[in-house]
């Protein structure tokens, strides 16, 4: 195999590959959960959530491919088995659990927020510890996509009456998700 000479040491590349593989594992678990909820959702929100989750799992599929290709570009091999994903993922499965539509949304918000926290940390590690600004930039883009998906999901369960100026009516308070 030809030596990779892109301005990163073997140790730097391997450190970034390890981060990317963890992000890949989390993205794959999130994809599986999103698809499962897409199939299982019922109730008055069925159509809107079914469509939203289709959009999300299409984005996640593209991101998974991009993560795996970034690993290959750095000379590594992406994790590619469920066993491997489950070993290194920070997200957890909810096997056998079919929550309400709102419960599904809340679970996905928590997962996206965990992915965002991980990506934020991996952006810093990629740039500062491993001196790979390309991967830091790549991960920043992924983080922004997860922030948007989390916002859309959060908006679904935080829906409340607002005044025309965007403020909450007097006497109403909003409880943040995850609190």
N, C-alpha and C. Protein backbone atom coordinates (compact mmCIF):
# COMPACT_ATOMS: atom_id res chain seq x y z
N UNK A 1 0.85 -1.18 0.00
CA UNK A 1 0.00 0.00 0.00
C UNK A 1 0.89 1.24 0.00
N UNK A 2 0.59 2.19 -0.88
CA UNK A 2 1.41 3.40 -0.91
C UNK A 2 1.26 4.20 0.39
N UNK A 3 2.35 4.83 0.76
CA UNK A 3 2.35 5.66 1.96
C UNK A 3 1.50 6.90 1.71
N UNK A 4 0.70 7.27 2.69
CA UNK A 4 -0.15 8.47 2.58
C UNK A 4 0.65 9.65 3.11
N UNK A 5 0.81 10.67 2.27
CA UNK A 5 1.61 11.83 2.62
C UNK A 5 0.76 13.09 2.43
N UNK A 6 -0.13 13.36 3.40
CA UNK A 6 -1.04 14.50 3.30
C UNK A 6 -0.81 15.53 4.42
N UNK A 7 0.34 15.44 5.05
CA UNK A 7 0.67 16.41 6.09
C UNK A 7 0.20 16.02 7.48
N UNK A 8 -0.26 14.79 7.63
CA UNK A 8 -0.67 14.28 8.94
C UNK A 8 0.15 13.03 9.23
N UNK A 9 0.53 12.86 10.48
CA UNK A 9 1.24 11.64 10.85
C UNK A 9 0.25 10.48 10.88
N UNK A 10 0.78 9.28 10.92
CA UNK A 10 -0.05 8.08 11.04
C UNK A 10 -0.91 8.17 12.30
N UNK A 11 -0.33 8.64 13.39
CA UNK A 11 -1.06 8.76 14.65
C UNK A 11 -2.19 9.79 14.54
N UNK A 12 -1.92 10.90 13.87
CA UNK A 12 -2.96 11.92 13.69
C UNK A 12 -4.11 11.37 12.83
N UNK A 13 -3.74 10.73 11.73
CA UNK A 13 -4.78 10.16 10.86
C UNK A 13 -5.59 9.12 11.61
N UNK A 14 -4.93 8.24 12.36
CA UNK A 14 -5.65 7.20 13.09
C UNK A 14 -6.55 7.79 14.18
N UNK A 15 -6.09 8.85 14.82
CA UNK A 15 -6.93 9.51 15.82
C UNK A 15 -8.20 10.06 15.20
N UNK A 16 -8.07 10.69 14.04
CA UNK A 16 -9.23 11.24 13.35
C UNK A 16 -10.13 10.11 12.84
N UNK A 17 -9.54 9.06 12.31
CA UNK A 17 -10.32 7.91 11.83
C UNK A 17 -11.16 7.33 12.96
N UNK A 18 -10.59 7.23 14.15
CA UNK A 18 -11.34 6.71 15.30
C UNK A 18 -12.54 7.61 15.63
N UNK A 19 -12.33 8.93 15.59
CA UNK A 19 -13.44 9.86 15.83
C UNK A 19 -14.51 9.69 14.76
N UNK A 20 -14.09 9.63 13.51
CA UNK A 20 -15.04 9.49 12.40
C UNK A 20 -15.83 8.19 12.50
N UNK A 21 -15.17 7.11 12.90
CA UNK A 21 -15.88 5.84 13.03
C UNK A 21 -16.91 5.89 14.15
N UNK A 22 -16.62 6.60 15.24
CA UNK A 22 -17.63 6.76 16.30
C UNK A 22 -18.81 7.57 15.77
N UNK A 23 -18.51 8.63 15.02
CA UNK A 23 -19.59 9.44 14.44
C UNK A 23 -20.40 8.62 13.44
N UNK A 24 -19.73 7.77 12.69
CA UNK A 24 -20.40 6.88 11.75
C UNK A 24 -21.33 5.92 12.49
N UNK A 25 -20.85 5.34 13.57
CA UNK A 25 -21.67 4.41 14.36
C UNK A 25 -22.91 5.11 14.91
N UNK A 26 -22.74 6.30 15.45
CA UNK A 26 -23.88 7.04 15.97
C UNK A 26 -24.86 7.40 14.85
N UNK A 27 -24.34 7.82 13.71
CA UNK A 27 -25.21 8.18 12.59
C UNK A 27 -26.01 6.97 12.12
N UNK A 28 -25.38 5.80 12.12
CA UNK A 28 -26.07 4.60 11.66
C UNK A 28 -27.17 4.20 12.64
N UNK A 29 -26.88 4.26 13.93
CA UNK A 29 -27.92 3.97 14.92
C UNK A 29 -29.07 4.97 14.82
N UNK A 30 -28.75 6.23 14.62
CA UNK A 30 -29.78 7.25 14.48
C UNK A 30 -30.61 7.00 13.21
N UNK A 31 -29.98 6.56 12.16
CA UNK A 31 -30.69 6.21 10.93
C UNK A 31 -31.68 5.08 11.19
N UNK A 32 -31.23 4.04 11.87
CA UNK A 32 -32.10 2.90 12.16
C UNK A 32 -33.29 3.34 13.00
N UNK A 33 -33.05 4.15 14.03
CA UNK A 33 -34.15 4.63 14.88
C UNK A 33 -35.12 5.49 14.08
N UNK A 34 -34.58 6.37 13.25
CA UNK A 34 -35.43 7.26 12.47
C UNK A 34 -36.31 6.46 11.51
N UNK A 35 -35.72 5.48 10.85
CA UNK A 35 -36.51 4.63 9.94
C UNK A 35 -37.56 3.84 10.70
N UNK A 36 -37.19 3.30 11.85
CA UNK A 36 -38.14 2.52 12.65
C UNK A 36 -39.32 3.39 13.07
N UNK A 37 -39.04 4.60 13.52
CA UNK A 37 -40.12 5.50 13.92
C UNK A 37 -40.95 5.92 12.69
N UNK A 38 -40.32 6.11 11.56
CA UNK A 38 -41.01 6.42 10.30
C UNK A 38 -42.04 5.33 9.99
N UNK A 39 -41.66 4.09 10.23
CA UNK A 39 -42.56 2.97 9.96
C UNK A 39 -43.66 2.84 11.01
N UNK A 40 -43.35 3.14 12.27
CA UNK A 40 -44.24 2.82 13.39
C UNK A 40 -45.13 3.96 13.86
N UNK A 41 -44.89 5.18 13.45
CA UNK A 41 -45.65 6.31 13.98
C UNK A 41 -47.14 6.17 13.63
N UNK A 42 -47.98 6.51 14.60
CA UNK A 42 -49.44 6.52 14.41
C UNK A 42 -50.00 7.77 15.08
N UNK A 43 -51.22 8.08 14.76
CA UNK A 43 -51.89 9.20 15.41
C UNK A 43 -52.06 10.38 14.47
N UNK A 44 -52.59 11.48 15.02
CA UNK A 44 -52.90 12.64 14.19
C UNK A 44 -51.67 13.26 13.51
N UNK A 45 -50.50 13.03 14.07
CA UNK A 45 -49.27 13.60 13.49
C UNK A 45 -48.61 12.66 12.48
N UNK A 46 -49.28 11.54 12.17
CA UNK A 46 -48.66 10.52 11.32
C UNK A 46 -48.06 11.12 10.05
N UNK A 47 -48.86 11.80 9.26
CA UNK A 47 -48.39 12.26 7.95
C UNK A 47 -47.20 13.21 8.06
N UNK A 48 -47.29 14.19 8.95
CA UNK A 48 -46.20 15.17 9.06
C UNK A 48 -44.92 14.52 9.57
N UNK A 49 -45.03 13.64 10.58
CA UNK A 49 -43.82 12.99 11.10
C UNK A 49 -43.27 11.97 10.11
N UNK A 50 -44.15 11.23 9.46
CA UNK A 50 -43.73 10.24 8.46
C UNK A 50 -42.90 10.93 7.37
N UNK A 51 -43.36 12.07 6.90
CA UNK A 51 -42.63 12.82 5.87
C UNK A 51 -41.35 13.44 6.41
N UNK A 52 -41.41 14.02 7.61
CA UNK A 52 -40.22 14.64 8.19
C UNK A 52 -39.13 13.60 8.38
N UNK A 53 -39.50 12.44 8.91
CA UNK A 53 -38.49 11.41 9.16
C UNK A 53 -37.93 10.83 7.87
N UNK A 54 -38.73 10.82 6.82
CA UNK A 54 -38.18 10.40 5.53
C UNK A 54 -37.10 11.37 5.07
N UNK A 55 -37.37 12.66 5.21
CA UNK A 55 -36.36 13.68 4.88
C UNK A 55 -35.10 13.47 5.73
N UNK A 56 -35.30 13.22 7.02
CA UNK A 56 -34.16 13.06 7.92
C UNK A 56 -33.35 11.81 7.59
N UNK A 57 -34.02 10.68 7.33
CA UNK A 57 -33.22 9.49 7.07
C UNK A 57 -32.54 9.56 5.72
N UNK A 58 -33.07 10.33 4.79
CA UNK A 58 -32.36 10.55 3.52
C UNK A 58 -31.08 11.36 3.76
N UNK A 59 -31.17 12.41 4.60
CA UNK A 59 -29.97 13.20 4.96
C UNK A 59 -28.96 12.33 5.70
N UNK A 60 -29.46 11.55 6.66
CA UNK A 60 -28.57 10.69 7.44
C UNK A 60 -27.85 9.68 6.55
N UNK A 61 -28.55 9.14 5.55
CA UNK A 61 -27.93 8.18 4.63
C UNK A 61 -26.79 8.84 3.87
N UNK A 62 -26.99 10.06 3.40
CA UNK A 62 -25.93 10.78 2.70
C UNK A 62 -24.75 11.06 3.64
N UNK A 63 -25.06 11.45 4.88
CA UNK A 63 -24.01 11.74 5.85
C UNK A 63 -23.21 10.49 6.21
N UNK A 64 -23.88 9.36 6.31
CA UNK A 64 -23.20 8.10 6.61
C UNK A 64 -22.20 7.78 5.50
N UNK A 65 -22.63 7.93 4.27
CA UNK A 65 -21.74 7.66 3.14
C UNK A 65 -20.55 8.63 3.15
N UNK A 66 -20.82 9.90 3.45
CA UNK A 66 -19.74 10.90 3.49
C UNK A 66 -18.75 10.58 4.62
N UNK A 67 -19.25 10.15 5.77
CA UNK A 67 -18.36 9.77 6.88
C UNK A 67 -17.47 8.59 6.49
N UNK A 68 -18.07 7.58 5.89
CA UNK A 68 -17.30 6.40 5.49
C UNK A 68 -16.25 6.77 4.44
N UNK A 69 -16.62 7.64 3.51
CA UNK A 69 -15.67 8.06 2.48
C UNK A 69 -14.54 8.91 3.07
N UNK A 70 -14.84 9.70 4.08
CA UNK A 70 -13.79 10.50 4.75
C UNK A 70 -12.80 9.56 5.43
N UNK A 71 -13.30 8.51 6.08
CA UNK A 71 -12.43 7.52 6.70
C UNK A 71 -11.51 6.91 5.65
N UNK A 72 -12.07 6.54 4.49
CA UNK A 72 -11.27 5.94 3.42
C UNK A 72 -10.26 6.93 2.87
N UNK A 73 -10.65 8.20 2.73
CA UNK A 73 -9.74 9.22 2.21
C UNK A 73 -8.52 9.39 3.11
N UNK A 74 -8.70 9.11 4.39
CA UNK A 74 -7.61 9.23 5.35
C UNK A 74 -6.83 7.92 5.50
N UNK A 75 -7.18 6.93 4.69
CA UNK A 75 -6.43 5.67 4.71
C UNK A 75 -6.97 4.63 5.67
N UNK A 76 -8.12 4.86 6.24
CA UNK A 76 -8.70 3.90 7.17
C UNK A 76 -9.83 3.12 6.55
N UNK A 77 -10.42 2.31 7.37
CA UNK A 77 -11.59 1.53 6.95
C UNK A 77 -12.74 1.82 7.90
N UNK A 78 -13.91 2.12 7.32
CA UNK A 78 -15.06 2.43 8.17
C UNK A 78 -15.60 1.17 8.83
N UNK A 79 -16.10 1.35 10.04
CA UNK A 79 -16.84 0.28 10.70
C UNK A 79 -18.04 0.02 9.80
N UNK A 80 -18.39 -1.24 9.63
CA UNK A 80 -19.47 -1.53 8.71
C UNK A 80 -20.39 -2.66 9.14
N UNK A 81 -20.37 -2.97 10.43
CA UNK A 81 -21.26 -4.02 10.94
C UNK A 81 -22.05 -3.47 12.11
N UNK A 82 -23.21 -4.05 12.32
CA UNK A 82 -24.02 -3.62 13.47
C UNK A 82 -23.27 -3.91 14.77
N UNK A 83 -22.59 -5.04 14.83
CA UNK A 83 -21.80 -5.36 16.02
C UNK A 83 -20.76 -4.28 16.28
N UNK A 84 -20.08 -3.87 15.22
CA UNK A 84 -19.07 -2.82 15.36
C UNK A 84 -19.68 -1.49 15.75
N UNK A 85 -20.80 -1.15 15.11
CA UNK A 85 -21.47 0.11 15.44
C UNK A 85 -21.88 0.13 16.91
N UNK A 86 -22.49 -0.95 17.37
CA UNK A 86 -23.00 -0.99 18.75
C UNK A 86 -21.87 -0.92 19.77
N UNK A 87 -20.68 -1.42 19.41
CA UNK A 87 -19.54 -1.37 20.34
C UNK A 87 -19.04 0.04 20.59
N UNK A 88 -19.07 0.89 19.55
CA UNK A 88 -18.44 2.20 19.68
C UNK A 88 -19.42 3.37 19.70
N UNK A 89 -20.69 3.11 19.45
CA UNK A 89 -21.68 4.19 19.43
C UNK A 89 -21.92 4.74 20.83
N UNK A 90 -22.23 6.01 20.91
CA UNK A 90 -22.63 6.61 22.18
C UNK A 90 -24.15 6.59 22.33
N UNK A 91 -24.87 6.40 21.24
CA UNK A 91 -26.32 6.28 21.29
C UNK A 91 -26.68 4.86 21.69
N UNK A 92 -27.85 4.71 22.25
CA UNK A 92 -28.33 3.41 22.70
C UNK A 92 -29.57 3.02 21.93
N UNK A 93 -29.72 1.73 21.72
CA UNK A 93 -30.94 1.21 21.11
C UNK A 93 -32.07 1.21 22.12
N UNK A 94 -33.28 1.21 21.61
CA UNK A 94 -34.47 1.07 22.44
C UNK A 94 -35.26 -0.12 21.90
N UNK A 95 -34.62 -1.27 21.87
CA UNK A 95 -35.20 -2.47 21.26
C UNK A 95 -36.54 -2.81 21.90
N UNK A 96 -37.52 -3.09 21.06
CA UNK A 96 -38.83 -3.50 21.54
C UNK A 96 -39.70 -2.37 22.04
N UNK A 97 -39.22 -1.16 22.03
CA UNK A 97 -39.94 0.00 22.54
C UNK A 97 -40.62 0.72 21.37
N UNK A 98 -41.93 0.91 21.45
CA UNK A 98 -42.65 1.69 20.46
C UNK A 98 -43.38 2.80 21.21
N UNK A 99 -42.71 3.94 21.38
CA UNK A 99 -43.30 5.05 22.13
C UNK A 99 -44.41 5.75 21.34
N UNK A 100 -45.08 6.67 21.98
CA UNK A 100 -46.05 7.53 21.31
C UNK A 100 -45.30 8.40 20.30
N UNK A 101 -46.05 9.05 19.42
CA UNK A 101 -45.42 9.93 18.42
C UNK A 101 -44.55 10.98 19.10
N UNK A 102 -45.08 11.61 20.16
CA UNK A 102 -44.31 12.62 20.88
C UNK A 102 -43.10 12.00 21.56
N UNK A 103 -43.24 10.80 22.09
CA UNK A 103 -42.10 10.09 22.68
C UNK A 103 -41.03 9.79 21.66
N UNK A 104 -41.45 9.42 20.45
CA UNK A 104 -40.49 9.17 19.37
C UNK A 104 -39.71 10.44 19.06
N UNK A 105 -40.43 11.55 18.94
CA UNK A 105 -39.78 12.83 18.65
C UNK A 105 -38.79 13.18 19.76
N UNK A 106 -39.20 13.03 21.01
CA UNK A 106 -38.33 13.35 22.15
C UNK A 106 -37.08 12.47 22.13
N UNK A 107 -37.23 11.18 21.83
CA UNK A 107 -36.06 10.29 21.75
C UNK A 107 -35.10 10.74 20.66
N UNK A 108 -35.64 11.12 19.52
CA UNK A 108 -34.77 11.56 18.42
C UNK A 108 -34.10 12.90 18.74
N UNK A 109 -34.80 13.79 19.43
CA UNK A 109 -34.18 15.05 19.86
C UNK A 109 -32.98 14.74 20.74
N UNK A 110 -33.17 13.87 21.73
CA UNK A 110 -32.06 13.50 22.62
C UNK A 110 -30.89 12.92 21.84
N UNK A 111 -31.18 12.05 20.88
CA UNK A 111 -30.10 11.44 20.09
C UNK A 111 -29.38 12.47 19.23
N UNK A 112 -30.13 13.34 18.56
CA UNK A 112 -29.48 14.38 17.75
C UNK A 112 -28.63 15.29 18.63
N UNK A 113 -29.14 15.63 19.81
CA UNK A 113 -28.36 16.50 20.69
C UNK A 113 -27.10 15.81 21.18
N UNK A 114 -27.15 14.50 21.43
CA UNK A 114 -25.94 13.76 21.80
C UNK A 114 -24.94 13.77 20.65
N UNK A 115 -25.44 13.55 19.43
CA UNK A 115 -24.57 13.59 18.26
C UNK A 115 -23.95 14.98 18.11
N UNK A 116 -24.72 16.02 18.32
CA UNK A 116 -24.21 17.39 18.23
C UNK A 116 -23.09 17.61 19.25
N UNK A 117 -23.31 17.18 20.48
CA UNK A 117 -22.27 17.34 21.51
C UNK A 117 -21.00 16.58 21.12
N UNK A 118 -21.18 15.37 20.62
CA UNK A 118 -20.02 14.57 20.19
C UNK A 118 -19.29 15.26 19.04
N UNK A 119 -20.05 15.71 18.05
CA UNK A 119 -19.43 16.36 16.90
C UNK A 119 -18.68 17.63 17.31
N UNK A 120 -19.28 18.40 18.21
CA UNK A 120 -18.62 19.63 18.69
C UNK A 120 -17.26 19.28 19.31
N UNK A 121 -17.24 18.23 20.11
CA UNK A 121 -15.99 17.77 20.72
C UNK A 121 -15.02 17.25 19.66
N UNK A 122 -15.53 16.52 18.68
CA UNK A 122 -14.67 15.95 17.63
C UNK A 122 -14.13 17.02 16.69
N UNK A 123 -14.89 18.09 16.48
CA UNK A 123 -14.39 19.23 15.70
C UNK A 123 -13.14 19.78 16.39
N UNK A 124 -13.26 20.00 17.70
CA UNK A 124 -12.12 20.54 18.46
C UNK A 124 -10.93 19.58 18.44
N UNK A 125 -11.19 18.30 18.69
CA UNK A 125 -10.10 17.32 18.70
C UNK A 125 -9.43 17.21 17.34
N UNK A 126 -10.24 17.19 16.27
CA UNK A 126 -9.67 17.06 14.93
C UNK A 126 -8.73 18.22 14.63
N UNK A 127 -9.18 19.42 14.94
CA UNK A 127 -8.37 20.60 14.63
C UNK A 127 -7.22 20.83 15.59
N UNK A 128 -7.49 20.74 16.90
CA UNK A 128 -6.48 21.10 17.89
C UNK A 128 -5.52 19.96 18.21
N UNK A 129 -6.05 18.77 18.45
CA UNK A 129 -5.20 17.64 18.85
C UNK A 129 -4.54 16.96 17.65
N UNK A 130 -5.32 16.80 16.55
CA UNK A 130 -4.80 16.04 15.41
C UNK A 130 -4.41 16.92 14.22
N UNK A 131 -4.62 18.22 14.31
CA UNK A 131 -4.22 19.19 13.29
C UNK A 131 -4.80 18.87 11.91
N UNK A 132 -6.03 18.36 11.90
CA UNK A 132 -6.72 18.03 10.65
C UNK A 132 -7.90 18.98 10.50
N UNK A 133 -7.61 20.15 9.94
CA UNK A 133 -8.65 21.17 9.77
C UNK A 133 -9.69 20.75 8.74
N UNK A 134 -9.31 19.92 7.78
CA UNK A 134 -10.27 19.42 6.80
C UNK A 134 -11.37 18.61 7.46
N UNK A 135 -10.98 17.71 8.35
CA UNK A 135 -11.98 16.91 9.06
C UNK A 135 -12.77 17.79 10.02
N UNK A 136 -12.12 18.75 10.67
CA UNK A 136 -12.84 19.65 11.56
C UNK A 136 -13.92 20.40 10.79
N UNK A 137 -13.60 20.87 9.60
CA UNK A 137 -14.57 21.58 8.76
C UNK A 137 -15.69 20.63 8.33
N UNK A 138 -15.33 19.44 7.91
CA UNK A 138 -16.30 18.42 7.50
C UNK A 138 -17.28 18.13 8.64
N UNK A 139 -16.76 17.92 9.85
CA UNK A 139 -17.60 17.61 11.00
C UNK A 139 -18.48 18.80 11.40
N UNK A 140 -17.97 20.01 11.21
CA UNK A 140 -18.77 21.21 11.49
C UNK A 140 -20.01 21.23 10.61
N UNK A 141 -19.85 20.88 9.34
CA UNK A 141 -21.00 20.82 8.43
C UNK A 141 -22.02 19.79 8.88
N UNK A 142 -21.54 18.62 9.30
CA UNK A 142 -22.45 17.59 9.81
C UNK A 142 -23.18 18.07 11.06
N UNK A 143 -22.45 18.72 11.94
CA UNK A 143 -23.03 19.22 13.19
C UNK A 143 -24.16 20.21 12.87
N UNK A 144 -23.94 21.08 11.91
CA UNK A 144 -24.96 22.06 11.55
C UNK A 144 -26.22 21.37 11.02
N UNK A 145 -26.05 20.29 10.27
CA UNK A 145 -27.21 19.54 9.78
C UNK A 145 -27.98 18.90 10.94
N UNK A 146 -27.27 18.35 11.91
CA UNK A 146 -27.94 17.77 13.08
C UNK A 146 -28.62 18.85 13.91
N UNK A 147 -28.01 20.02 13.99
CA UNK A 147 -28.65 21.12 14.73
C UNK A 147 -29.98 21.48 14.08
N UNK A 148 -30.02 21.50 12.76
CA UNK A 148 -31.27 21.81 12.06
C UNK A 148 -32.31 20.71 12.28
N UNK A 149 -31.90 19.46 12.19
CA UNK A 149 -32.85 18.36 12.40
C UNK A 149 -33.38 18.38 13.83
N UNK A 150 -32.51 18.63 14.80
CA UNK A 150 -32.94 18.70 16.20
C UNK A 150 -33.90 19.85 16.42
N UNK A 151 -33.64 20.98 15.81
CA UNK A 151 -34.52 22.14 15.92
C UNK A 151 -35.90 21.81 15.38
N UNK A 152 -35.96 21.16 14.22
CA UNK A 152 -37.26 20.80 13.63
C UNK A 152 -38.03 19.86 14.56
N UNK A 153 -37.34 18.89 15.11
CA UNK A 153 -38.00 17.96 16.03
C UNK A 153 -38.42 18.65 17.32
N UNK A 154 -37.52 19.47 17.87
CA UNK A 154 -37.82 20.20 19.10
C UNK A 154 -39.03 21.11 18.91
N UNK A 155 -39.12 21.74 17.76
CA UNK A 155 -40.24 22.63 17.47
C UNK A 155 -41.56 21.88 17.48
N UNK A 156 -41.53 20.64 17.09
CA UNK A 156 -42.74 19.82 17.08
C UNK A 156 -43.30 19.62 18.48
N UNK A 157 -42.43 19.34 19.45
CA UNK A 157 -42.93 19.06 20.80
C UNK A 157 -42.96 20.28 21.70
N UNK A 158 -42.37 21.38 21.25
CA UNK A 158 -42.40 22.60 22.05
C UNK A 158 -43.49 23.55 21.60
N UNK A 159 -44.29 23.12 20.63
CA UNK A 159 -45.31 24.01 20.07
C UNK A 159 -46.22 24.59 21.13
N UNK A 160 -46.30 25.90 21.18
CA UNK A 160 -47.18 26.62 22.11
C UNK A 160 -47.72 27.85 21.40
N UNK A 161 -48.77 28.38 21.97
CA UNK A 161 -49.33 29.62 21.43
C UNK A 161 -48.33 30.75 21.62
N UNK A 162 -48.16 31.55 20.59
CA UNK A 162 -47.27 32.71 20.65
C UNK A 162 -48.04 33.95 20.21
N UNK A 163 -47.63 35.06 20.74
CA UNK A 163 -48.18 36.33 20.29
C UNK A 163 -47.59 36.65 18.92
N UNK A 164 -48.20 37.56 18.15
CA UNK A 164 -47.68 37.89 16.82
C UNK A 164 -46.21 38.34 16.82
N UNK A 165 -45.73 38.87 17.95
CA UNK A 165 -44.34 39.32 18.01
C UNK A 165 -43.38 38.18 18.37
N UNK A 166 -43.90 36.96 18.53
CA UNK A 166 -43.06 35.80 18.83
C UNK A 166 -42.89 35.52 20.30
N UNK A 167 -43.44 36.34 21.16
CA UNK A 167 -43.33 36.13 22.61
C UNK A 167 -44.44 35.20 23.09
N UNK A 168 -44.18 34.55 24.23
CA UNK A 168 -45.20 33.71 24.84
C UNK A 168 -46.23 34.59 25.53
N UNK A 169 -47.49 34.17 25.50
CA UNK A 169 -48.52 34.93 26.24
C UNK A 169 -48.18 34.97 27.73
N UNK A 170 -48.59 36.02 28.38
CA UNK A 170 -48.32 36.18 29.81
C UNK A 170 -48.84 34.98 30.57
N UNK A 171 -48.04 34.51 31.53
CA UNK A 171 -48.44 33.40 32.39
C UNK A 171 -48.07 32.04 31.85
N UNK A 172 -47.61 31.94 30.60
CA UNK A 172 -47.20 30.65 30.05
C UNK A 172 -45.68 30.56 30.05
N UNK A 173 -45.19 29.43 30.48
CA UNK A 173 -43.75 29.19 30.47
C UNK A 173 -43.47 27.97 29.63
N UNK A 174 -42.28 27.91 29.12
CA UNK A 174 -41.88 26.80 28.26
C UNK A 174 -40.83 25.98 28.96
N UNK A 175 -41.04 24.67 29.02
CA UNK A 175 -40.07 23.78 29.62
C UNK A 175 -39.17 23.22 28.53
N UNK A 176 -37.87 23.43 28.60
CA UNK A 176 -36.97 22.92 27.57
C UNK A 176 -36.99 21.40 27.54
N UNK A 177 -36.77 20.84 26.36
CA UNK A 177 -36.67 19.39 26.19
C UNK A 177 -35.47 18.89 26.96
N UNK A 178 -35.62 17.74 27.60
CA UNK A 178 -34.51 17.13 28.31
C UNK A 178 -34.32 17.64 29.72
N UNK A 179 -35.19 18.53 30.18
CA UNK A 179 -35.07 19.07 31.53
C UNK A 179 -36.03 18.35 32.44
